[in-house]
Amino acid sequence: GSGTYYVKRLTIKRWFTVILSFWLTIGMVFPLLAAEEIKIREFSFTPLDNDPDVLLANLKLDYDLGNYLREGLLNGMTLESEIHFDLEWHSDWWWNTRKSLAVVKSELKYHALSQHYQLLRLDTNENWNFSTLTSALERMGTLKDYMLPALPTEAHHNNASIVVYSRLAPKALQLPLKIQKLFAERDSLESEGVVWSIP
């Protein structure tokens, strides 16, 4: 009788430990997952007065980085940002067709000696220094009157749209391609796409 009681008590204790560990894990993981995201807060397109096929893009992104990326920056990691503008043709009968219109690439890193975050726009070679990560991310996620390439003729009146989305990932290390892909998929962030119909 006492042996049976001991086994039951041990089993109940073990199950309690498992359940408690599970809920602690869920409680720790879900806030981290919720905190890691990119949101497109504002976006708009304005055609040039003298050329309606050329659009000026205005965009604001919100970056919420998890501890891994924040601490990675402080320890020498470089983050690569891409803001994509894709043309997409919608089809009711087949898969949608998509091709790239433009990509804005930036790199963000932390300079330990000066204790500043350094941001570089790769397409224009503009660079900025910021004392806080918040201000660096705000600048990286802002595009003002960015001129897109001229829209092709087939983009008009043909169920075409511009799809905008952003991606942020650690810069690839000098590792085999398969391992690079594994790290990129695990640690990268990508926003939801927003769609603007071309008239």
N, C-alpha and C. Protein backbone atom coordinates (compact mmCIF):
# COMPACT_ATOMS: atom_id res chain seq x y z
N GLY A 1 0.81 -1.20 0.00
CA GLY A 1 0.00 0.00 0.00
C GLY A 1 0.85 1.25 0.00
N SER A 2 1.88 1.31 0.85
CA SER A 2 2.73 2.50 0.90
C SER A 2 3.52 2.68 -0.39
N GLY A 3 3.90 1.50 -1.01
CA GLY A 3 4.62 1.58 -2.28
C GLY A 3 3.77 2.16 -3.37
N THR A 4 2.50 1.75 -3.41
CA THR A 4 1.57 2.28 -4.42
C THR A 4 1.39 3.78 -4.23
N TYR A 5 1.24 4.19 -2.98
CA TYR A 5 1.06 5.62 -2.68
C TYR A 5 2.29 6.41 -3.13
N TYR A 6 3.48 5.83 -2.90
CA TYR A 6 4.72 6.51 -3.28
C TYR A 6 4.79 6.68 -4.80
N VAL A 7 4.41 5.63 -5.54
CA VAL A 7 4.43 5.72 -7.00
C VAL A 7 3.46 6.76 -7.50
N LYS A 8 2.25 6.77 -6.92
CA LYS A 8 1.24 7.75 -7.35
C LYS A 8 1.73 9.17 -7.07
N ARG A 9 2.31 9.34 -5.85
CA ARG A 9 2.79 10.67 -5.48
C ARG A 9 3.91 11.12 -6.41
N LEU A 10 4.80 10.16 -6.76
CA LEU A 10 5.92 10.47 -7.66
C LEU A 10 5.40 10.82 -9.05
N THR A 11 4.40 10.07 -9.52
CA THR A 11 3.82 10.32 -10.85
C THR A 11 3.16 11.68 -10.91
N ILE A 12 2.39 12.01 -9.88
CA ILE A 12 1.71 13.31 -9.83
C ILE A 12 2.74 14.44 -9.81
N LYS A 13 3.79 14.24 -9.00
CA LYS A 13 4.84 15.26 -8.92
C LYS A 13 5.53 15.44 -10.26
N ARG A 14 5.78 14.31 -10.96
CA ARG A 14 6.45 14.38 -12.26
C ARG A 14 5.57 15.11 -13.27
N TRP A 15 4.29 14.77 -13.29
CA TRP A 15 3.37 15.44 -14.23
C TRP A 15 3.26 16.93 -13.93
N PHE A 16 3.22 17.26 -12.65
CA PHE A 16 3.15 18.68 -12.26
C PHE A 16 4.38 19.43 -12.76
N THR A 17 5.56 18.77 -12.61
CA THR A 17 6.80 19.39 -13.08
C THR A 17 6.79 19.59 -14.59
N VAL A 18 6.29 18.59 -15.33
CA VAL A 18 6.22 18.68 -16.80
C VAL A 18 5.30 19.81 -17.21
N ILE A 19 4.11 19.87 -16.58
CA ILE A 19 3.12 20.90 -16.94
C ILE A 19 3.65 22.28 -16.61
N LEU A 20 4.29 22.42 -15.44
CA LEU A 20 4.85 23.71 -15.05
C LEU A 20 5.95 24.15 -16.02
N SER A 21 6.81 23.21 -16.39
CA SER A 21 7.88 23.52 -17.33
C SER A 21 7.31 23.94 -18.68
N PHE A 22 6.23 23.26 -19.10
CA PHE A 22 5.59 23.58 -20.38
C PHE A 22 5.06 25.01 -20.38
N TRP A 23 4.35 25.37 -19.31
CA TRP A 23 3.76 26.71 -19.27
C TRP A 23 4.83 27.79 -19.11
N LEU A 24 5.89 27.47 -18.39
CA LEU A 24 6.98 28.44 -18.29
C LEU A 24 7.64 28.66 -19.65
N THR A 25 7.79 27.56 -20.38
CA THR A 25 8.39 27.66 -21.73
C THR A 25 7.50 28.48 -22.65
N ILE A 26 6.20 28.17 -22.62
CA ILE A 26 5.25 28.93 -23.46
C ILE A 26 5.27 30.40 -23.08
N GLY A 27 5.30 30.66 -21.77
CA GLY A 27 5.30 32.05 -21.31
C GLY A 27 6.54 32.80 -21.72
N MET A 28 7.66 32.09 -21.82
CA MET A 28 8.90 32.75 -22.24
C MET A 28 8.98 32.89 -23.75
N VAL A 29 8.52 31.87 -24.48
CA VAL A 29 8.69 31.86 -25.94
C VAL A 29 7.74 32.81 -26.63
N PHE A 30 6.46 32.82 -26.23
CA PHE A 30 5.49 33.60 -26.98
C PHE A 30 5.73 35.10 -26.92
N PRO A 31 6.11 35.68 -25.76
CA PRO A 31 6.46 37.10 -25.79
C PRO A 31 7.63 37.39 -26.70
N LEU A 32 8.63 36.47 -26.78
CA LEU A 32 9.76 36.68 -27.67
C LEU A 32 9.30 36.66 -29.12
N LEU A 33 8.43 35.69 -29.45
CA LEU A 33 7.94 35.60 -30.82
C LEU A 33 7.14 36.84 -31.19
N ALA A 34 6.31 37.30 -30.26
CA ALA A 34 5.46 38.45 -30.54
C ALA A 34 6.29 39.71 -30.73
N ALA A 35 7.47 39.75 -30.07
CA ALA A 35 8.28 40.97 -30.11
C ALA A 35 9.12 41.07 -31.37
N GLU A 36 9.27 39.98 -32.12
CA GLU A 36 10.13 39.99 -33.29
C GLU A 36 9.29 40.11 -34.55
N GLU A 37 9.25 41.31 -35.11
CA GLU A 37 8.45 41.49 -36.31
C GLU A 37 8.80 42.80 -36.99
N ILE A 38 8.38 42.90 -38.25
CA ILE A 38 8.48 44.15 -39.00
C ILE A 38 7.06 44.51 -39.44
N LYS A 39 6.66 45.72 -39.16
CA LYS A 39 5.33 46.19 -39.57
C LYS A 39 5.49 47.37 -40.53
N ILE A 40 4.70 47.36 -41.58
CA ILE A 40 4.64 48.51 -42.49
C ILE A 40 3.58 49.45 -41.94
N ARG A 41 4.04 50.55 -41.38
CA ARG A 41 3.12 51.47 -40.69
C ARG A 41 2.45 52.43 -41.68
N GLU A 42 3.23 52.94 -42.64
CA GLU A 42 2.69 53.88 -43.64
C GLU A 42 3.33 53.58 -44.99
N PHE A 43 2.54 53.74 -46.04
CA PHE A 43 3.14 53.70 -47.38
C PHE A 43 2.22 54.41 -48.35
N SER A 44 2.84 55.05 -49.33
CA SER A 44 2.07 55.76 -50.37
C SER A 44 2.93 55.91 -51.60
N PHE A 45 2.26 56.09 -52.74
CA PHE A 45 2.94 56.33 -54.01
C PHE A 45 2.37 57.59 -54.65
N THR A 46 3.27 58.43 -55.17
CA THR A 46 2.85 59.65 -55.85
C THR A 46 3.51 59.71 -57.22
N PRO A 47 2.72 59.81 -58.30
CA PRO A 47 3.34 59.89 -59.63
C PRO A 47 3.99 61.25 -59.87
N LEU A 48 5.06 61.24 -60.63
CA LEU A 48 5.67 62.50 -61.05
C LEU A 48 4.71 63.27 -61.95
N ASP A 49 4.73 64.58 -61.82
CA ASP A 49 3.81 65.40 -62.62
C ASP A 49 4.07 65.24 -64.12
N ASN A 50 5.34 65.16 -64.49
CA ASN A 50 5.68 65.12 -65.92
C ASN A 50 5.84 63.70 -66.46
N ASP A 51 5.69 62.68 -65.57
CA ASP A 51 5.81 61.29 -66.02
C ASP A 51 5.05 60.38 -65.06
N PRO A 52 3.79 60.10 -65.35
CA PRO A 52 2.97 59.28 -64.43
C PRO A 52 3.44 57.84 -64.28
N ASP A 53 4.35 57.38 -65.17
CA ASP A 53 4.88 56.02 -65.03
C ASP A 53 5.98 55.93 -63.98
N VAL A 54 6.47 57.08 -63.51
CA VAL A 54 7.50 57.10 -62.47
C VAL A 54 6.83 57.48 -61.15
N LEU A 55 6.97 56.60 -60.15
CA LEU A 55 6.33 56.80 -58.86
C LEU A 55 7.35 57.14 -57.79
N LEU A 56 6.96 58.03 -56.88
CA LEU A 56 7.75 58.34 -55.70
C LEU A 56 7.14 57.59 -54.52
N ALA A 57 7.97 56.79 -53.86
CA ALA A 57 7.48 55.96 -52.75
C ALA A 57 7.83 56.62 -51.42
N ASN A 58 6.85 56.61 -50.52
CA ASN A 58 7.06 57.05 -49.14
C ASN A 58 6.65 55.91 -48.22
N LEU A 59 7.52 55.61 -47.26
CA LEU A 59 7.33 54.38 -46.48
C LEU A 59 7.88 54.56 -45.08
N LYS A 60 7.14 53.98 -44.11
CA LYS A 60 7.64 53.93 -42.73
C LYS A 60 7.44 52.51 -42.20
N LEU A 61 8.54 51.94 -41.68
CA LEU A 61 8.50 50.60 -41.10
C LEU A 61 8.76 50.68 -39.60
N ASP A 62 8.14 49.76 -38.87
CA ASP A 62 8.44 49.59 -37.45
C ASP A 62 9.15 48.26 -37.27
N TYR A 63 10.33 48.29 -36.66
CA TYR A 63 11.10 47.07 -36.38
C TYR A 63 11.02 46.77 -34.88
N ASP A 64 10.63 45.56 -34.55
CA ASP A 64 10.71 45.08 -33.17
C ASP A 64 11.67 43.89 -33.16
N LEU A 65 12.86 44.12 -32.66
CA LEU A 65 13.89 43.09 -32.67
C LEU A 65 13.89 42.31 -31.35
N GLY A 66 14.10 41.02 -31.45
CA GLY A 66 14.24 40.20 -30.27
C GLY A 66 15.63 40.32 -29.68
N ASN A 67 15.83 39.67 -28.53
CA ASN A 67 17.11 39.76 -27.83
C ASN A 67 18.28 39.23 -28.65
N TYR A 68 18.02 38.19 -29.44
CA TYR A 68 19.11 37.59 -30.23
C TYR A 68 19.73 38.60 -31.18
N LEU A 69 18.88 39.32 -31.94
CA LEU A 69 19.40 40.30 -32.89
C LEU A 69 19.99 41.52 -32.20
N ARG A 70 19.35 41.97 -31.10
CA ARG A 70 19.88 43.12 -30.36
C ARG A 70 21.27 42.82 -29.79
N GLU A 71 21.39 41.66 -29.15
CA GLU A 71 22.68 41.30 -28.56
C GLU A 71 23.70 40.96 -29.64
N GLY A 72 23.20 40.40 -30.75
CA GLY A 72 24.10 40.10 -31.86
C GLY A 72 24.75 41.36 -32.41
N LEU A 73 23.98 42.43 -32.53
CA LEU A 73 24.54 43.71 -32.99
C LEU A 73 25.66 44.18 -32.07
N LEU A 74 25.43 44.09 -30.77
CA LEU A 74 26.43 44.55 -29.81
C LEU A 74 27.68 43.69 -29.83
N ASN A 75 27.56 42.48 -30.37
CA ASN A 75 28.69 41.55 -30.40
C ASN A 75 29.26 41.37 -31.80
N GLY A 76 29.04 42.36 -32.67
CA GLY A 76 29.71 42.36 -33.97
C GLY A 76 28.89 41.90 -35.15
N MET A 77 27.62 41.52 -34.93
CA MET A 77 26.77 41.10 -36.04
C MET A 77 26.38 42.31 -36.90
N THR A 78 26.34 42.11 -38.22
CA THR A 78 25.81 43.12 -39.15
C THR A 78 24.45 42.66 -39.64
N LEU A 79 23.47 43.55 -39.58
CA LEU A 79 22.13 43.23 -40.08
C LEU A 79 21.95 43.81 -41.47
N GLU A 80 21.38 43.01 -42.35
CA GLU A 80 21.07 43.45 -43.72
C GLU A 80 19.57 43.67 -43.85
N SER A 81 19.21 44.84 -44.32
CA SER A 81 17.81 45.19 -44.54
C SER A 81 17.53 45.27 -46.04
N GLU A 82 16.39 44.73 -46.43
CA GLU A 82 15.93 44.83 -47.83
C GLU A 82 14.48 45.29 -47.83
N ILE A 83 14.20 46.33 -48.59
CA ILE A 83 12.82 46.78 -48.82
C ILE A 83 12.51 46.50 -50.28
N HIS A 84 11.57 45.61 -50.51
CA HIS A 84 11.27 45.14 -51.86
C HIS A 84 10.03 45.83 -52.44
N PHE A 85 10.14 46.20 -53.70
CA PHE A 85 9.01 46.68 -54.49
C PHE A 85 8.87 45.73 -55.68
N ASP A 86 7.85 44.90 -55.67
CA ASP A 86 7.64 43.92 -56.73
C ASP A 86 6.40 44.26 -57.55
N LEU A 87 6.48 43.96 -58.84
CA LEU A 87 5.30 44.03 -59.70
C LEU A 87 4.63 42.67 -59.71
N GLU A 88 3.32 42.66 -59.53
CA GLU A 88 2.58 41.39 -59.54
C GLU A 88 1.34 41.51 -60.42
N TRP A 89 1.19 40.52 -61.30
CA TRP A 89 0.00 40.46 -62.15
C TRP A 89 -0.92 39.38 -61.62
N HIS A 90 -2.15 39.77 -61.28
CA HIS A 90 -3.10 38.82 -60.71
C HIS A 90 -3.79 38.03 -61.81
N SER A 91 -3.97 36.74 -61.55
CA SER A 91 -4.65 35.87 -62.50
C SER A 91 -5.69 35.03 -61.78
N ASP A 92 -6.91 34.97 -62.34
CA ASP A 92 -7.97 34.14 -61.76
C ASP A 92 -7.83 32.68 -62.18
N TRP A 93 -7.04 32.42 -63.21
CA TRP A 93 -6.97 31.07 -63.78
C TRP A 93 -5.64 30.37 -63.53
N TRP A 94 -4.62 31.14 -63.17
CA TRP A 94 -3.29 30.56 -63.03
C TRP A 94 -2.60 31.23 -61.86
N TRP A 95 -1.34 30.87 -61.61
CA TRP A 95 -0.61 31.52 -60.54
C TRP A 95 -0.32 32.97 -60.90
N ASN A 96 -0.27 33.81 -59.86
CA ASN A 96 0.11 35.20 -60.09
C ASN A 96 1.57 35.27 -60.58
N THR A 97 1.83 36.25 -61.43
CA THR A 97 3.18 36.47 -61.94
C THR A 97 3.80 37.65 -61.21
N ARG A 98 5.02 37.48 -60.76
CA ARG A 98 5.67 38.55 -60.00
C ARG A 98 7.11 38.74 -60.49
N LYS A 99 7.53 40.00 -60.56
CA LYS A 99 8.93 40.30 -60.85
C LYS A 99 9.36 41.53 -60.06
N SER A 100 10.64 41.60 -59.78
CA SER A 100 11.16 42.68 -58.95
C SER A 100 11.19 44.00 -59.72
N LEU A 101 10.75 45.06 -59.07
CA LEU A 101 10.84 46.41 -59.64
C LEU A 101 12.03 47.15 -59.04
N ALA A 102 12.21 47.04 -57.72
CA ALA A 102 13.35 47.70 -57.05
C ALA A 102 13.55 47.08 -55.68
N VAL A 103 14.79 47.14 -55.19
CA VAL A 103 15.13 46.69 -53.84
C VAL A 103 16.05 47.73 -53.21
N VAL A 104 15.68 48.20 -52.03
CA VAL A 104 16.52 49.15 -51.29
C VAL A 104 17.24 48.36 -50.20
N LYS A 105 18.58 48.35 -50.26
CA LYS A 105 19.36 47.56 -49.31
C LYS A 105 20.17 48.46 -48.38
N SER A 106 20.18 48.07 -47.11
CA SER A 106 20.96 48.79 -46.11
C SER A 106 21.66 47.80 -45.20
N GLU A 107 22.70 48.28 -44.53
CA GLU A 107 23.41 47.48 -43.54
C GLU A 107 23.49 48.26 -42.23
N LEU A 108 23.25 47.57 -41.13
CA LEU A 108 23.29 48.18 -39.81
C LEU A 108 24.26 47.40 -38.92
N LYS A 109 25.17 48.12 -38.27
CA LYS A 109 26.08 47.47 -37.35
C LYS A 109 26.40 48.42 -36.20
N TYR A 110 26.98 47.85 -35.16
CA TYR A 110 27.34 48.63 -33.97
C TYR A 110 28.86 48.78 -33.91
N HIS A 111 29.30 50.03 -33.71
CA HIS A 111 30.74 50.31 -33.60
C HIS A 111 31.07 50.46 -32.12
N ALA A 112 31.76 49.46 -31.56
CA ALA A 112 31.99 49.40 -30.12
C ALA A 112 32.85 50.56 -29.62
N LEU A 113 33.83 50.99 -30.42
CA LEU A 113 34.75 52.03 -29.97
C LEU A 113 34.03 53.37 -29.78
N SER A 114 33.20 53.73 -30.76
CA SER A 114 32.46 55.00 -30.67
C SER A 114 31.12 54.84 -29.97
N GLN A 115 30.70 53.58 -29.75
CA GLN A 115 29.41 53.27 -29.13
C GLN A 115 28.25 53.89 -29.92
N HIS A 116 28.35 53.78 -31.24
CA HIS A 116 27.30 54.28 -32.13
C HIS A 116 26.87 53.16 -33.09
N TYR A 117 25.61 53.26 -33.50
CA TYR A 117 25.09 52.37 -34.53
C TYR A 117 25.32 53.02 -35.89
N GLN A 118 25.90 52.27 -36.81
CA GLN A 118 26.25 52.80 -38.12
C GLN A 118 25.32 52.19 -39.17
N LEU A 119 24.69 53.06 -39.94
CA LEU A 119 23.76 52.64 -40.98
C LEU A 119 24.29 53.06 -42.34
N LEU A 120 24.28 52.12 -43.29
CA LEU A 120 24.78 52.39 -44.64
C LEU A 120 23.71 52.01 -45.66
N ARG A 121 23.33 52.96 -46.52
CA ARG A 121 22.45 52.67 -47.67
C ARG A 121 23.33 52.23 -48.82
N LEU A 122 23.18 50.98 -49.24
CA LEU A 122 24.10 50.42 -50.23
C LEU A 122 23.89 50.99 -51.63
N ASP A 123 22.67 51.43 -51.96
CA ASP A 123 22.42 51.93 -53.32
C ASP A 123 22.92 53.36 -53.50
N THR A 124 23.00 54.13 -52.41
CA THR A 124 23.42 55.54 -52.52
C THR A 124 24.74 55.82 -51.80
N ASN A 125 25.23 54.83 -51.02
CA ASN A 125 26.43 55.00 -50.20
C ASN A 125 26.29 56.09 -49.14
N GLU A 126 25.06 56.48 -48.82
CA GLU A 126 24.83 57.38 -47.70
C GLU A 126 25.05 56.60 -46.41
N ASN A 127 25.59 57.28 -45.39
CA ASN A 127 25.78 56.63 -44.10
C ASN A 127 25.47 57.59 -42.97
N TRP A 128 25.00 57.01 -41.87
CA TRP A 128 24.61 57.79 -40.70
C TRP A 128 25.11 57.09 -39.44
N ASN A 129 25.29 57.87 -38.37
CA ASN A 129 25.65 57.34 -37.05
C ASN A 129 24.58 57.74 -36.05
N PHE A 130 24.20 56.80 -35.20
CA PHE A 130 23.15 57.03 -34.22
C PHE A 130 23.60 56.53 -32.86
N SER A 131 23.20 57.27 -31.83
CA SER A 131 23.58 56.89 -30.46
C SER A 131 22.67 55.81 -29.90
N THR A 132 21.48 55.63 -30.48
CA THR A 132 20.55 54.62 -29.99
C THR A 132 20.09 53.72 -31.13
N LEU A 133 19.75 52.49 -30.78
CA LEU A 133 19.24 51.55 -31.78
C LEU A 133 17.89 52.00 -32.31
N THR A 134 17.07 52.58 -31.45
CA THR A 134 15.73 53.04 -31.86
C THR A 134 15.82 54.04 -33.00
N SER A 135 16.71 55.02 -32.87
CA SER A 135 16.84 56.05 -33.92
C SER A 135 17.44 55.46 -35.19
N ALA A 136 18.34 54.49 -35.07
CA ALA A 136 18.92 53.84 -36.25
C ALA A 136 17.85 53.05 -37.01
N LEU A 137 17.02 52.31 -36.27
CA LEU A 137 15.96 51.53 -36.91
C LEU A 137 14.91 52.44 -37.55
N GLU A 138 14.63 53.56 -36.91
CA GLU A 138 13.65 54.50 -37.48
C GLU A 138 14.16 55.05 -38.81
N ARG A 139 15.44 55.38 -38.88
CA ARG A 139 16.00 55.89 -40.13
C ARG A 139 16.04 54.80 -41.19
N MET A 140 16.42 53.60 -40.80
CA MET A 140 16.49 52.49 -41.75
C MET A 140 15.12 52.16 -42.34
N GLY A 141 14.07 52.35 -41.55
CA GLY A 141 12.73 52.01 -42.00
C GLY A 141 11.97 53.15 -42.63
N THR A 142 12.65 54.24 -42.97
CA THR A 142 11.99 55.40 -43.58
C THR A 142 12.50 55.64 -44.99
N LEU A 143 11.59 55.70 -45.93
CA LEU A 143 11.90 56.12 -47.30
C LEU A 143 11.04 57.34 -47.62
N LYS A 144 11.69 58.37 -48.11
CA LYS A 144 10.97 59.60 -48.45
C LYS A 144 11.25 59.95 -49.90
N ASP A 145 10.18 59.99 -50.69
CA ASP A 145 10.27 60.33 -52.12
C ASP A 145 11.32 59.49 -52.84
N TYR A 146 11.29 58.19 -52.56
CA TYR A 146 12.20 57.27 -53.25
C TYR A 146 11.66 57.00 -54.66
N MET A 147 12.47 57.33 -55.67
CA MET A 147 12.02 57.22 -57.06
C MET A 147 12.17 55.79 -57.57
N LEU A 148 11.06 55.20 -57.93
CA LEU A 148 11.07 53.85 -58.49
C LEU A 148 11.36 53.91 -59.99
N PRO A 149 11.87 52.81 -60.54
CA PRO A 149 12.02 52.77 -62.01
C PRO A 149 10.66 52.93 -62.69
N ALA A 150 10.67 53.42 -63.90
CA ALA A 150 9.42 53.64 -64.64
C ALA A 150 8.65 52.33 -64.79
N LEU A 151 7.34 52.40 -64.61
CA LEU A 151 6.50 51.22 -64.76
C LEU A 151 6.46 50.79 -66.23
N PRO A 152 6.52 49.50 -66.50
CA PRO A 152 6.40 49.05 -67.88
C PRO A 152 4.98 49.26 -68.40
N THR A 153 4.83 49.34 -69.70
CA THR A 153 3.52 49.57 -70.32
C THR A 153 2.50 48.53 -69.90
N GLU A 154 2.94 47.27 -69.79
CA GLU A 154 2.00 46.19 -69.48
C GLU A 154 1.51 46.21 -68.03
N ALA A 155 2.04 47.14 -67.23
CA ALA A 155 1.58 47.23 -65.84
C ALA A 155 0.24 47.93 -65.72
N HIS A 156 -0.14 48.71 -66.75
CA HIS A 156 -1.38 49.48 -66.68
C HIS A 156 -2.56 48.68 -67.22
N HIS A 157 -3.72 48.80 -66.52
CA HIS A 157 -4.98 48.21 -66.96
C HIS A 157 -4.83 46.71 -67.23
N ASN A 158 -4.08 46.04 -66.37
CA ASN A 158 -3.81 44.62 -66.64
C ASN A 158 -3.73 43.82 -65.34
N ASN A 159 -4.59 44.21 -64.36
CA ASN A 159 -4.62 43.53 -63.05
C ASN A 159 -3.25 43.50 -62.37
N ALA A 160 -2.50 44.57 -62.53
CA ALA A 160 -1.15 44.63 -61.95
C ALA A 160 -1.16 45.45 -60.66
N SER A 161 -0.28 45.09 -59.75
CA SER A 161 -0.13 45.79 -58.47
C SER A 161 1.35 45.88 -58.12
N ILE A 162 1.63 46.79 -57.20
CA ILE A 162 2.96 46.84 -56.58
C ILE A 162 2.84 46.23 -55.19
N VAL A 163 3.67 45.24 -54.92
CA VAL A 163 3.70 44.59 -53.61
C VAL A 163 4.95 45.06 -52.87
N VAL A 164 4.75 45.56 -51.66
CA VAL A 164 5.86 46.08 -50.86
C VAL A 164 6.03 45.20 -49.62
N TYR A 165 7.26 44.78 -49.36
CA TYR A 165 7.54 44.03 -48.14
C TYR A 165 9.00 44.25 -47.75
N SER A 166 9.30 43.95 -46.52
CA SER A 166 10.66 44.19 -46.00
C SER A 166 11.20 42.93 -45.34
N ARG A 167 12.51 42.78 -45.41
CA ARG A 167 13.18 41.63 -44.81
C ARG A 167 14.43 42.11 -44.07
N LEU A 168 14.69 41.49 -42.92
CA LEU A 168 15.86 41.85 -42.12
C LEU A 168 16.52 40.54 -41.66
N ALA A 169 17.83 40.44 -41.85
CA ALA A 169 18.53 39.20 -41.51
C ALA A 169 19.98 39.50 -41.19
N PRO A 170 20.62 38.65 -40.38
CA PRO A 170 22.06 38.79 -40.16
C PRO A 170 22.82 38.61 -41.47
N LYS A 171 23.87 39.40 -41.65
CA LYS A 171 24.69 39.26 -42.85
C LYS A 171 25.33 37.89 -42.88
N ALA A 172 25.33 37.27 -44.06
CA ALA A 172 25.82 35.90 -44.20
C ALA A 172 27.27 35.80 -43.77
N LEU A 173 27.55 34.79 -42.97
CA LEU A 173 28.92 34.51 -42.57
C LEU A 173 29.62 33.68 -43.64
N GLN A 174 30.91 33.54 -43.52
CA GLN A 174 31.66 32.71 -44.46
C GLN A 174 31.50 31.25 -44.08
N LEU A 175 30.32 30.72 -44.38
CA LEU A 175 29.97 29.34 -44.06
C LEU A 175 29.49 28.65 -45.32
N PRO A 176 29.44 27.30 -45.32
CA PRO A 176 28.84 26.61 -46.46
C PRO A 176 27.43 27.08 -46.72
N LEU A 177 27.00 27.06 -47.99
CA LEU A 177 25.73 27.63 -48.41
C LEU A 177 24.54 27.05 -47.64
N LYS A 178 24.54 25.73 -47.41
CA LYS A 178 23.42 25.11 -46.70
C LYS A 178 23.31 25.62 -45.27
N ILE A 179 24.45 25.82 -44.61
CA ILE A 179 24.44 26.32 -43.24
C ILE A 179 24.02 27.79 -43.22
N GLN A 180 24.48 28.57 -44.21
CA GLN A 180 24.06 29.98 -44.32
C GLN A 180 22.54 30.06 -44.42
N LYS A 181 21.96 29.21 -45.26
CA LYS A 181 20.51 29.22 -45.47
C LYS A 181 19.78 28.88 -44.18
N LEU A 182 20.31 27.93 -43.42
CA LEU A 182 19.70 27.52 -42.16
C LEU A 182 19.67 28.69 -41.18
N PHE A 183 20.80 29.39 -41.03
CA PHE A 183 20.85 30.54 -40.13
C PHE A 183 19.93 31.66 -40.60
N ALA A 184 19.91 31.92 -41.92
CA ALA A 184 19.09 33.01 -42.46
C ALA A 184 17.62 32.75 -42.21
N GLU A 185 17.16 31.51 -42.40
CA GLU A 185 15.76 31.19 -42.20
C GLU A 185 15.37 31.28 -40.73
N ARG A 186 16.28 30.89 -39.85
CA ARG A 186 15.96 30.88 -38.42
C ARG A 186 15.91 32.28 -37.83
N ASP A 187 16.82 33.16 -38.26
CA ASP A 187 16.99 34.44 -37.60
C ASP A 187 16.43 35.63 -38.38
N SER A 188 15.92 35.42 -39.59
CA SER A 188 15.45 36.54 -40.40
C SER A 188 14.02 36.91 -40.03
N LEU A 189 13.69 38.18 -40.27
CA LEU A 189 12.34 38.70 -40.08
C LEU A 189 11.82 39.18 -41.43
N GLU A 190 10.55 38.98 -41.67
CA GLU A 190 9.94 39.47 -42.91
C GLU A 190 8.55 40.01 -42.62
N SER A 191 8.25 41.18 -43.17
CA SER A 191 6.95 41.80 -42.94
C SER A 191 5.88 41.16 -43.81
N GLU A 192 4.65 41.45 -43.47
CA GLU A 192 3.55 41.13 -44.39
C GLU A 192 3.67 42.05 -45.61
N GLY A 193 3.22 41.57 -46.75
CA GLY A 193 3.24 42.43 -47.94
C GLY A 193 2.02 43.32 -47.99
N VAL A 194 2.21 44.55 -48.46
CA VAL A 194 1.09 45.45 -48.71
C VAL A 194 0.99 45.67 -50.22
N VAL A 195 -0.22 45.84 -50.70
CA VAL A 195 -0.47 45.86 -52.15
C VAL A 195 -1.07 47.20 -52.55
N TRP A 196 -0.55 47.74 -53.66
CA TRP A 196 -1.07 48.97 -54.24
C TRP A 196 -1.43 48.68 -55.70
N SER A 197 -2.71 48.80 -56.03
CA SER A 197 -3.17 48.52 -57.38
C SER A 197 -2.77 49.62 -58.34
N ILE A 198 -2.24 49.22 -59.48
CA ILE A 198 -1.82 50.18 -60.50
C ILE A 198 -3.01 50.52 -61.37
N PRO A 199 -3.36 51.80 -61.49
CA PRO A 199 -4.54 52.16 -62.32
C PRO A 199 -4.30 51.94 -63.80
